[in-house]
Amino acid sequence: MNNRINSLLKGYESKVIEADENLKLLLQSPKIIPDHTNLNEEIDKWVNCKSNNIGKYNILASYLPKEEKTDGK
């Protein structure tokens, strides 16, 4: 089960990184998108993507067993 959860977590991490990079690009260089694109809608789309995948990540991560400390303390 841990492999399945870790696989899903990596997918969510990837989507968060993608959304973050797209947000940076849109917010720092809004002229790169065509004039007919609604900038606010595009930003909102990526904010939702990032938020959604962070939420999924946090929920699934809570199902992983807690790692025990091995330092002897």
PDB file of N, CA and C in Angstrom:
ATOM      1  N   MET A   1       0.825  -1.199   0.000  1.00  0.00           N
ATOM      2  CA  MET A   1       0.000   0.000   0.000  1.00  0.00           C
ATOM      3  C   MET A   1       0.868   1.263   0.000  1.00  0.00           C
ATOM      4  N   ASN A   2       2.015   1.211   0.690  1.00  0.00           N
ATOM      5  CA  ASN A   2       2.876   2.395   0.734  1.00  0.00           C
ATOM      6  C   ASN A   2       3.373   2.789  -0.645  1.00  0.00           C
ATOM      7  N   ASN A   3       3.671   1.800  -1.502  1.00  0.00           N
ATOM      8  CA  ASN A   3       4.124   2.125  -2.861  1.00  0.00           C
ATOM      9  C   ASN A   3       3.040   2.847  -3.644  1.00  0.00           C
ATOM     10  N   ARG A   4       1.800   2.406  -3.480  1.00  0.00           N
ATOM     11  CA  ARG A   4       0.686   3.054  -4.175  1.00  0.00           C
ATOM     12  C   ARG A   4       0.525   4.491  -3.695  1.00  0.00           C
ATOM     13  N   ILE A   5       0.574   4.685  -2.383  1.00  0.00           N
ATOM     14  CA  ILE A   5       0.432   6.033  -1.823  1.00  0.00           C
ATOM     15  C   ILE A   5       1.587   6.913  -2.276  1.00  0.00           C
ATOM     16  N   ASN A   6       2.814   6.397  -2.205  1.00  0.00           N
ATOM     17  CA  ASN A   6       3.976   7.185  -2.633  1.00  0.00           C
ATOM     18  C   ASN A   6       3.896   7.558  -4.104  1.00  0.00           C
ATOM     19  N   SER A   7       3.395   6.649  -4.924  1.00  0.00           N
ATOM     20  CA  SER A   7       3.227   6.936  -6.348  1.00  0.00           C
ATOM     21  C   SER A   7       2.241   8.080  -6.559  1.00  0.00           C
ATOM     22  N   LEU A   8       1.128   8.029  -5.858  1.00  0.00           N
ATOM     23  CA  LEU A   8       0.136   9.111  -5.954  1.00  0.00           C
ATOM     24  C   LEU A   8       0.706  10.427  -5.435  1.00  0.00           C
ATOM     25  N   LEU A   9       1.446  10.364  -4.331  1.00  0.00           N
ATOM     26  CA  LEU A   9       2.036  11.576  -3.759  1.00  0.00           C
ATOM     27  C   LEU A   9       2.979  12.248  -4.744  1.00  0.00           C
ATOM     28  N   LYS A  10       3.783  11.457  -5.444  1.00  0.00           N
ATOM     29  CA  LYS A  10       4.705  12.016  -6.438  1.00  0.00           C
ATOM     30  C   LYS A  10       3.932  12.708  -7.566  1.00  0.00           C
ATOM     31  N   GLY A  11       2.805  12.118  -7.966  1.00  0.00           N
ATOM     32  CA  GLY A  11       1.968  12.747  -8.989  1.00  0.00           C
ATOM     33  C   GLY A  11       1.412  14.082  -8.520  1.00  0.00           C
ATOM     34  N   TYR A  12       0.967  14.129  -7.267  1.00  0.00           N
ATOM     35  CA  TYR A  12       0.451  15.382  -6.721  1.00  0.00           C
ATOM     36  C   TYR A  12       1.557  16.424  -6.613  1.00  0.00           C
ATOM     37  N   GLU A  13       2.743  15.995  -6.163  1.00  0.00           N
ATOM     38  CA  GLU A  13       3.881  16.907  -6.076  1.00  0.00           C
ATOM     39  C   GLU A  13       4.189  17.510  -7.444  1.00  0.00           C
ATOM     40  N   SER A  14       4.171  16.669  -8.455  1.00  0.00           N
ATOM     41  CA  SER A  14       4.460  17.123  -9.814  1.00  0.00           C
ATOM     42  C   SER A  14       3.457  18.172 -10.278  1.00  0.00           C
ATOM     43  N   LYS A  15       2.187  17.944  -9.985  1.00  0.00           N
ATOM     44  CA  LYS A  15       1.153  18.896 -10.397  1.00  0.00           C
ATOM     45  C   LYS A  15       1.271  20.210  -9.639  1.00  0.00           C
ATOM     46  N   VAL A  16       1.673  20.144  -8.370  1.00  0.00           N
ATOM     47  CA  VAL A  16       1.869  21.364  -7.582  1.00  0.00           C
ATOM     48  C   VAL A  16       3.024  22.181  -8.165  1.00  0.00           C
ATOM     49  N   ILE A  17       4.109  21.495  -8.513  1.00  0.00           N
ATOM     50  CA  ILE A  17       5.256  22.183  -9.107  1.00  0.00           C
ATOM     51  C   ILE A  17       4.872  22.805 -10.443  1.00  0.00           C
ATOM     52  N   GLU A  18       4.127  22.059 -11.266  1.00  0.00           N
ATOM     53  CA  GLU A  18       3.680  22.593 -12.562  1.00  0.00           C
ATOM     54  C   GLU A  18       2.820  23.838 -12.367  1.00  0.00           C
ATOM     55  N   ALA A  19       1.876  23.760 -11.438  1.00  0.00           N
ATOM     56  CA  ALA A  19       0.997  24.900 -11.182  1.00  0.00           C
ATOM     57  C   ALA A  19       1.795  26.091 -10.675  1.00  0.00           C
ATOM     58  N   ASP A  20       2.746  25.837  -9.781  1.00  0.00           N
ATOM     59  CA  ASP A  20       3.558  26.914  -9.231  1.00  0.00           C
ATOM     60  C   ASP A  20       4.371  27.610 -10.317  1.00  0.00           C
ATOM     61  N   GLU A  21       4.969  26.829 -11.202  1.00  0.00           N
ATOM     62  CA  GLU A  21       5.762  27.411 -12.290  1.00  0.00           C
ATOM     63  C   GLU A  21       4.878  28.219 -13.247  1.00  0.00           C
ATOM     64  N   ASN A  22       3.693  27.716 -13.547  1.00  0.00           N
ATOM     65  CA  ASN A  22       2.780  28.451 -14.427  1.00  0.00           C
ATOM     66  C   ASN A  22       2.301  29.740 -13.772  1.00  0.00           C
ATOM     67  N   LEU A  23       2.044  29.700 -12.470  1.00  0.00           N
ATOM     68  CA  LEU A  23       1.639  30.915 -11.762  1.00  0.00           C
ATOM     69  C   LEU A  23       2.748  31.958 -11.783  1.00  0.00           C
ATOM     70  N   LYS A  24       3.978  31.522 -11.526  1.00  0.00           N
ATOM     71  CA  LYS A  24       5.103  32.463 -11.570  1.00  0.00           C
ATOM     72  C   LYS A  24       5.199  33.109 -12.945  1.00  0.00           C
ATOM     73  N   LEU A  25       5.076  32.304 -13.973  1.00  0.00           N
ATOM     74  CA  LEU A  25       5.175  32.802 -15.336  1.00  0.00           C
ATOM     75  C   LEU A  25       4.055  33.799 -15.641  1.00  0.00           C
ATOM     76  N   LEU A  26       2.836  33.445 -15.273  1.00  0.00           N
ATOM     77  CA  LEU A  26       1.693  34.319 -15.547  1.00  0.00           C
ATOM     78  C   LEU A  26       1.766  35.622 -14.766  1.00  0.00           C
ATOM     79  N   LEU A  27       2.234  35.550 -13.530  1.00  0.00           N
ATOM     80  CA  LEU A  27       2.277  36.746 -12.690  1.00  0.00           C
ATOM     81  C   LEU A  27       3.463  37.644 -13.008  1.00  0.00           C
ATOM     82  N   GLN A  28       4.551  37.055 -13.479  1.00  0.00           N
ATOM     83  CA  GLN A  28       5.742  37.847 -13.771  1.00  0.00           C
ATOM     84  C   GLN A  28       5.804  38.312 -15.221  1.00  0.00           C
ATOM     85  N   SER A  29       5.191  37.553 -16.118  1.00  0.00           N
ATOM     86  CA  SER A  29       5.248  37.875 -17.556  1.00  0.00           C
ATOM     87  C   SER A  29       3.883  37.677 -18.206  1.00  0.00           C
ATOM     88  N   PRO A  30       2.887  38.466 -17.833  1.00  0.00           N
ATOM     89  CA  PRO A  30       1.537  38.254 -18.361  1.00  0.00           C
ATOM     90  C   PRO A  30       1.413  38.461 -19.874  1.00  0.00           C
ATOM     91  N   LYS A  31       2.395  39.086 -20.490  1.00  0.00           N
ATOM     92  CA  LYS A  31       2.314  39.351 -21.933  1.00  0.00           C
ATOM     93  C   LYS A  31       2.616  38.120 -22.773  1.00  0.00           C
ATOM     94  N   ILE A  32       3.024  37.021 -22.135  1.00  0.00           N
ATOM     95  CA  ILE A  32       3.364  35.822 -22.902  1.00  0.00           C
ATOM     96  C   ILE A  32       2.130  35.073 -23.387  1.00  0.00           C
ATOM     97  N   ILE A  33       0.962  35.372 -22.798  1.00  0.00           N
ATOM     98  CA  ILE A  33      -0.244  34.667 -23.220  1.00  0.00           C
ATOM     99  C   ILE A  33      -0.985  35.516 -24.245  1.00  0.00           C
ATOM    100  N   PRO A  34      -1.736  34.879 -25.120  1.00  0.00           N
ATOM    101  CA  PRO A  34      -2.455  35.619 -26.162  1.00  0.00           C
ATOM    102  C   PRO A  34      -3.461  36.623 -25.592  1.00  0.00           C
ATOM    103  N   ASP A  35      -3.738  37.651 -26.365  1.00  0.00           N
ATOM    104  CA  ASP A  35      -4.668  38.699 -25.927  1.00  0.00           C
ATOM    105  C   ASP A  35      -6.066  38.169 -25.650  1.00  0.00           C
ATOM    106  N   HIS A  36      -6.471  37.117 -26.354  1.00  0.00           N
ATOM    107  CA  HIS A  36      -7.838  36.631 -26.184  1.00  0.00           C
ATOM    108  C   HIS A  36      -8.020  35.790 -24.915  1.00  0.00           C
ATOM    109  N   THR A  37      -6.928  35.487 -24.214  1.00  0.00           N
ATOM    110  CA  THR A  37      -7.010  34.690 -22.994  1.00  0.00           C
ATOM    111  C   THR A  37      -7.317  35.598 -21.811  1.00  0.00           C
ATOM    112  N   ASN A  38      -8.252  35.170 -20.979  1.00  0.00           N
ATOM    113  CA  ASN A  38      -8.582  35.915 -19.781  1.00  0.00           C
ATOM    114  C   ASN A  38      -7.529  35.584 -18.721  1.00  0.00           C
ATOM    115  N   LEU A  39      -6.692  36.538 -18.401  1.00  0.00           N
ATOM    116  CA  LEU A  39      -5.575  36.325 -17.490  1.00  0.00           C
ATOM    117  C   LEU A  39      -6.058  35.890 -16.108  1.00  0.00           C
ATOM    118  N   ASN A  40      -7.097  36.530 -15.610  1.00  0.00           N
ATOM    119  CA  ASN A  40      -7.613  36.168 -14.285  1.00  0.00           C
ATOM    120  C   ASN A  40      -8.108  34.730 -14.246  1.00  0.00           C
ATOM    121  N   GLU A  41      -8.797  34.304 -15.283  1.00  0.00           N
ATOM    122  CA  GLU A  41      -9.280  32.915 -15.330  1.00  0.00           C
ATOM    123  C   GLU A  41      -8.115  31.932 -15.368  1.00  0.00           C
ATOM    124  N   GLU A  42      -7.094  32.270 -16.118  1.00  0.00           N
ATOM    125  CA  GLU A  42      -5.924  31.395 -16.238  1.00  0.00           C
ATOM    126  C   GLU A  42      -5.193  31.289 -14.896  1.00  0.00           C
ATOM    127  N   ILE A  43      -5.035  32.417 -14.206  1.00  0.00           N
ATOM    128  CA  ILE A  43      -4.401  32.404 -12.884  1.00  0.00           C
ATOM    129  C   ILE A  43      -5.251  31.604 -11.916  1.00  0.00           C
ATOM    130  N   ASP A  44      -6.551  31.816 -11.924  1.00  0.00           N
ATOM    131  CA  ASP A  44      -7.458  31.097 -11.032  1.00  0.00           C
ATOM    132  C   ASP A  44      -7.403  29.589 -11.288  1.00  0.00           C
ATOM    133  N   LYS A  45      -7.287  29.206 -12.546  1.00  0.00           N
ATOM    134  CA  LYS A  45      -7.193  27.783 -12.901  1.00  0.00           C
ATOM    135  C   LYS A  45      -5.985  27.142 -12.230  1.00  0.00           C
ATOM    136  N   TRP A  46      -4.840  27.817 -12.272  1.00  0.00           N
ATOM    137  CA  TRP A  46      -3.623  27.248 -11.698  1.00  0.00           C
ATOM    138  C   TRP A  46      -3.611  27.328 -10.179  1.00  0.00           C
ATOM    139  N   VAL A  47      -4.248  28.340  -9.601  1.00  0.00           N
ATOM    140  CA  VAL A  47      -4.388  28.405  -8.143  1.00  0.00           C
ATOM    141  C   VAL A  47      -5.234  27.226  -7.669  1.00  0.00           C
ATOM    142  N   ASN A  48      -6.332  26.955  -8.369  1.00  0.00           N
ATOM    143  CA  ASN A  48      -7.181  25.815  -8.015  1.00  0.00           C
ATOM    144  C   ASN A  48      -6.435  24.500  -8.156  1.00  0.00           C
ATOM    145  N   CYS A  49      -5.656  24.358  -9.207  1.00  0.00           N
ATOM    146  CA  CYS A  49      -4.879  23.144  -9.432  1.00  0.00           C
ATOM    147  C   CYS A  49      -3.903  22.923  -8.280  1.00  0.00           C
ATOM    148  N   LYS A  50      -3.183  23.961  -7.908  1.00  0.00           N
ATOM    149  CA  LYS A  50      -2.207  23.848  -6.825  1.00  0.00           C
ATOM    150  C   LYS A  50      -2.897  23.523  -5.505  1.00  0.00           C
ATOM    151  N   SER A  51      -3.952  24.229  -5.197  1.00  0.00           N
ATOM    152  CA  SER A  51      -4.682  24.021  -3.950  1.00  0.00           C
ATOM    153  C   SER A  51      -5.265  22.605  -3.877  1.00  0.00           C
ATOM    154  N   ASN A  52      -5.852  22.167  -4.964  1.00  0.00           N
ATOM    155  CA  ASN A  52      -6.471  20.846  -5.021  1.00  0.00           C
ATOM    156  C   ASN A  52      -5.439  19.743  -4.782  1.00  0.00           C
ATOM    157  N   ASN A  53      -4.293  19.852  -5.419  1.00  0.00           N
ATOM    158  CA  ASN A  53      -3.283  18.811  -5.301  1.00  0.00           C
ATOM    159  C   ASN A  53      -2.557  18.849  -3.957  1.00  0.00           C
ATOM    160  N   ILE A  54      -2.415  20.016  -3.351  1.00  0.00           N
ATOM    161  CA  ILE A  54      -1.854  20.092  -2.000  1.00  0.00           C
ATOM    162  C   ILE A  54      -2.801  19.398  -1.023  1.00  0.00           C
ATOM    163  N   GLY A  55      -4.086  19.639  -1.180  1.00  0.00           N
ATOM    164  CA  GLY A  55      -5.073  18.988  -0.326  1.00  0.00           C
ATOM    165  C   GLY A  55      -5.042  17.474  -0.461  1.00  0.00           C
ATOM    166  N   LYS A  56      -5.001  16.992  -1.695  1.00  0.00           N
ATOM    167  CA  LYS A  56      -4.926  15.550  -1.934  1.00  0.00           C
ATOM    168  C   LYS A  56      -3.664  14.966  -1.310  1.00  0.00           C
ATOM    169  N   TYR A  57      -2.552  15.662  -1.495  1.00  0.00           N
ATOM    170  CA  TYR A  57      -1.279  15.202  -0.943  1.00  0.00           C
ATOM    171  C   TYR A  57      -1.383  15.055   0.573  1.00  0.00           C
ATOM    172  N   ASN A  58      -1.885  16.084   1.228  1.00  0.00           N
ATOM    173  CA  ASN A  58      -1.968  16.071   2.687  1.00  0.00           C
ATOM    174  C   ASN A  58      -2.873  14.960   3.203  1.00  0.00           C
ATOM    175  N   ILE A  59      -3.985  14.734   2.522  1.00  0.00           N
ATOM    176  CA  ILE A  59      -4.893  13.670   2.946  1.00  0.00           C
ATOM    177  C   ILE A  59      -4.223  12.308   2.832  1.00  0.00           C
ATOM    178  N   LEU A  60      -3.636  12.015   1.673  1.00  0.00           N
ATOM    179  CA  LEU A  60      -3.004  10.710   1.484  1.00  0.00           C
ATOM    180  C   LEU A  60      -1.782  10.530   2.378  1.00  0.00           C
ATOM    181  N   ALA A  61      -1.004  11.576   2.570  1.00  0.00           N
ATOM    182  CA  ALA A  61       0.190  11.473   3.406  1.00  0.00           C
ATOM    183  C   ALA A  61      -0.173  11.073   4.836  1.00  0.00           C
ATOM    184  N   SER A  62      -1.353  11.424   5.280  1.00  0.00           N
ATOM    185  CA  SER A  62      -1.772  11.074   6.636  1.00  0.00           C
ATOM    186  C   SER A  62      -1.987   9.567   6.795  1.00  0.00           C
ATOM    187  N   TYR A  63      -2.084   8.825   5.694  1.00  0.00           N
ATOM    188  CA  TYR A  63      -2.264   7.378   5.756  1.00  0.00           C
ATOM    189  C   TYR A  63      -0.946   6.613   5.790  1.00  0.00           C
ATOM    190  N   LEU A  64       0.156   7.306   5.588  1.00  0.00           N
ATOM    191  CA  LEU A  64       1.454   6.639   5.678  1.00  0.00           C
ATOM    192  C   LEU A  64       1.804   6.429   7.142  1.00  0.00           C
ATOM    193  N   PRO A  65       2.411   5.298   7.460  1.00  0.00           N
ATOM    194  CA  PRO A  65       2.804   5.077   8.867  1.00  0.00           C
ATOM    195  C   PRO A  65       3.868   6.079   9.290  1.00  0.00           C
ATOM    196  N   LYS A  66       3.807   6.464  10.542  1.00  0.00           N
ATOM    197  CA  LYS A  66       4.783   7.407  11.081  1.00  0.00           C
ATOM    198  C   LYS A  66       6.137   6.693  11.177  1.00  0.00           C
ATOM    199  N   GLU A  67       7.199   7.382  10.773  1.00  0.00           N
ATOM    200  CA  GLU A  67       8.538   6.819  10.851  1.00  0.00           C
ATOM    201  C   GLU A  67       9.044   6.952  12.285  1.00  0.00           C
ATOM    202  N   GLU A  68       9.634   5.881  12.776  1.00  0.00           N
ATOM    203  CA  GLU A  68      10.196   5.897  14.121  1.00  0.00           C
ATOM    204  C   GLU A  68      11.609   6.443  14.071  1.00  0.00           C
ATOM    205  N   LYS A  69      11.986   7.177  15.112  1.00  0.00           N
ATOM    206  CA  LYS A  69      13.343   7.713  15.194  1.00  0.00           C
ATOM    207  C   LYS A  69      14.299   6.579  15.502  1.00  0.00           C
ATOM    208  N   THR A  70      15.416   6.556  14.808  1.00  0.00           N
ATOM    209  CA  THR A  70      16.396   5.488  14.998  1.00  0.00           C
ATOM    210  C   THR A  70      17.683   5.983  15.635  1.00  0.00           C
ATOM    211  N   ASP A  71      17.662   7.184  16.201  1.00  0.00           N
ATOM    212  CA  ASP A  71      18.879   7.737  16.793  1.00  0.00           C
ATOM    213  C   ASP A  71      19.067   7.291  18.242  1.00  0.00           C
ATOM    214  N   GLY A  72      18.151   6.489  18.757  1.00  0.00           N
ATOM    215  CA  GLY A  72      18.288   5.945  20.107  1.00  0.00           C
ATOM    216  C   GLY A  72      17.857   6.888  21.203  1.00  0.00           C
ATOM    217  N   LYS A  73      17.283   8.003  20.873  1.00  0.00           N
ATOM    218  CA  LYS A  73      16.846   8.972  21.896  1.00  0.00           C
ATOM    219  C   LYS A  73      15.357   8.957  22.041  1.00  0.00           C
TER     220      LYS A  73
END
